[in-house]
């Protein structure tokens, strides 16, 4: 679960602060920021999450995927980005593929 201070930063639209925290060396901080961005409803948290998809750290990547599944900004674009990622996963990325499937299911549920 995302740290309350990061959820408040999303609610207060402190995008520069969150974007900077998303580049922190502490993986736990970056994961918490990604989870908090999933509570957003605008382009800025979407951009932060998309940037985090490129992280080499699996925990960060998984948090970004979950965040995109929870975010309610541009559902079509979010789904397209997740499909694009799924097509480029290396062999043995079953947990990442499962997270993508779950996120896509969340997005489909949001469209109803």
Protein backbone atom coordinates (compact mmCIF):
# COMPACT_ATOMS: atom_id res chain seq x y z
CA UNK A 1 0.00 0.00 0.00
CA UNK A 2 1.27 3.45 -0.90
CA UNK A 3 2.53 5.72 1.83
CA UNK A 4 -0.07 8.33 2.87
CA UNK A 5 2.38 11.19 2.30
CA UNK A 6 2.73 10.19 -1.36
CA UNK A 7 -1.03 9.79 -1.76
CA UNK A 8 -1.41 13.32 -0.33
CA UNK A 9 1.23 14.56 -2.79
CA UNK A 10 -0.86 13.08 -5.64
CA UNK A 11 -4.02 14.67 -4.24
CA UNK A 12 -2.19 18.01 -3.96
CA UNK A 13 -0.79 17.62 -7.50
CA UNK A 14 2.84 17.88 -6.42
CA UNK A 15 4.04 16.35 -9.69
CA UNK A 16 7.60 17.72 -9.68
CA UNK A 17 8.18 16.34 -6.20
CA UNK A 18 6.73 12.95 -7.14
CA UNK A 19 8.70 12.78 -10.39
CA UNK A 20 11.89 13.47 -8.46
CA UNK A 21 11.04 10.83 -5.85
CA UNK A 22 10.36 8.37 -8.68
CA UNK A 23 14.06 8.62 -9.58
CA UNK A 24 15.26 7.90 -6.03
CA UNK A 25 17.80 5.17 -5.40
CA UNK A 26 15.64 3.69 -2.64
CA UNK A 27 13.44 1.11 -4.35
CA UNK A 28 10.85 1.19 -1.56
CA UNK A 29 10.34 4.92 -2.11
CA UNK A 30 9.95 4.49 -5.86
CA UNK A 31 7.47 1.63 -5.38
CA UNK A 32 5.44 3.73 -2.92
CA UNK A 33 5.40 6.65 -5.38
CA UNK A 34 4.23 4.34 -8.19
CA UNK A 35 1.44 2.97 -6.01
CA UNK A 36 0.39 6.49 -5.04
CA UNK A 37 0.40 7.62 -8.68
CA UNK A 38 -2.13 4.86 -9.36
CA UNK A 39 -4.61 6.87 -7.30
CA UNK A 40 -4.31 9.80 -9.69
CA UNK A 41 -6.72 10.96 -12.33
CA UNK A 42 -4.58 13.06 -14.68
CA UNK A 43 -1.78 13.00 -17.22
CA UNK A 44 1.06 13.70 -14.80
CA UNK A 45 0.86 10.48 -12.75
CA UNK A 46 0.37 8.57 -16.03
CA UNK A 47 3.66 10.00 -17.32
CA UNK A 48 5.47 9.10 -14.09
CA UNK A 49 4.17 5.53 -14.27
CA UNK A 50 5.08 5.12 -17.93
CA UNK A 51 8.62 6.29 -17.16
CA UNK A 52 8.84 3.72 -14.35
CA UNK A 53 7.98 0.89 -16.75
CA UNK A 54 11.54 1.18 -18.04
CA UNK A 55 13.03 0.47 -14.63
CA UNK A 56 15.37 -2.50 -14.47
CA UNK A 57 14.06 -3.26 -10.95
CA UNK A 58 11.24 -5.78 -11.11
CA UNK A 59 9.48 -4.41 -8.00
CA UNK A 60 9.38 -0.93 -9.51
CA UNK A 61 8.13 -2.28 -12.83
CA UNK A 62 5.40 -4.31 -11.08
CA UNK A 63 4.31 -1.27 -9.04
CA UNK A 64 4.16 0.84 -12.21
CA UNK A 65 2.05 -1.82 -13.94
CA UNK A 66 -0.34 -2.01 -10.98
CA UNK A 67 -0.46 1.79 -10.91
CA UNK A 68 -1.44 1.91 -14.59
CA UNK A 69 -4.18 -0.60 -13.87
CA UNK A 70 -5.53 1.59 -11.08
CA UNK A 71 -5.09 4.99 -12.70
CA UNK A 72 -8.19 6.51 -14.26
CA UNK A 73 -6.86 8.97 -16.79
CA UNK A 74 -6.79 7.67 -20.37
CA UNK A 75 -7.85 4.04 -20.18
CA UNK A 76 -7.24 3.34 -23.86
CA UNK A 77 -3.71 4.74 -23.73
CA UNK A 78 -2.97 2.86 -20.52
CA UNK A 79 -4.12 -0.42 -22.08
CA UNK A 80 -2.09 0.25 -25.23
CA UNK A 81 1.02 0.91 -23.16
CA UNK A 82 0.52 -2.31 -21.19
CA UNK A 83 -0.04 -4.35 -24.37
CA UNK A 84 3.14 -2.84 -25.83
CA UNK A 85 5.09 -3.86 -22.73
CA UNK A 86 3.64 -7.38 -22.76
CA UNK A 87 4.78 -7.90 -26.34
CA UNK A 88 8.36 -7.04 -25.43
CA UNK A 89 8.81 -9.10 -22.29
CA UNK A 90 11.69 -11.55 -22.25
CA UNK A 91 11.13 -15.23 -21.54
CA UNK A 92 10.65 -16.01 -17.85
CA UNK A 93 8.74 -12.83 -17.05
CA UNK A 94 5.66 -14.69 -15.85
CA UNK A 95 5.06 -12.51 -12.78
CA UNK A 96 5.30 -9.34 -14.88
CA UNK A 97 2.96 -10.86 -17.48
CA UNK A 98 0.51 -11.78 -14.72
CA UNK A 99 0.63 -8.22 -13.36
CA UNK A 100 -0.07 -6.88 -16.86
CA UNK A 101 -3.04 -9.23 -17.24
CA UNK A 102 -4.41 -8.11 -13.87
CA UNK A 103 -3.93 -4.43 -14.75
CA UNK A 104 -5.68 -4.90 -18.10
CA UNK A 105 -8.57 -6.63 -16.34
CA UNK A 106 -8.81 -3.66 -13.95
CA UNK A 107 -8.90 -1.28 -16.92
CA UNK A 108 -11.60 -3.33 -18.66
CA UNK A 109 -13.64 -3.27 -15.45
CA UNK A 110 -13.29 0.51 -15.25
CA UNK A 111 -14.81 0.94 -18.70
CA UNK A 112 -18.10 -0.62 -17.62
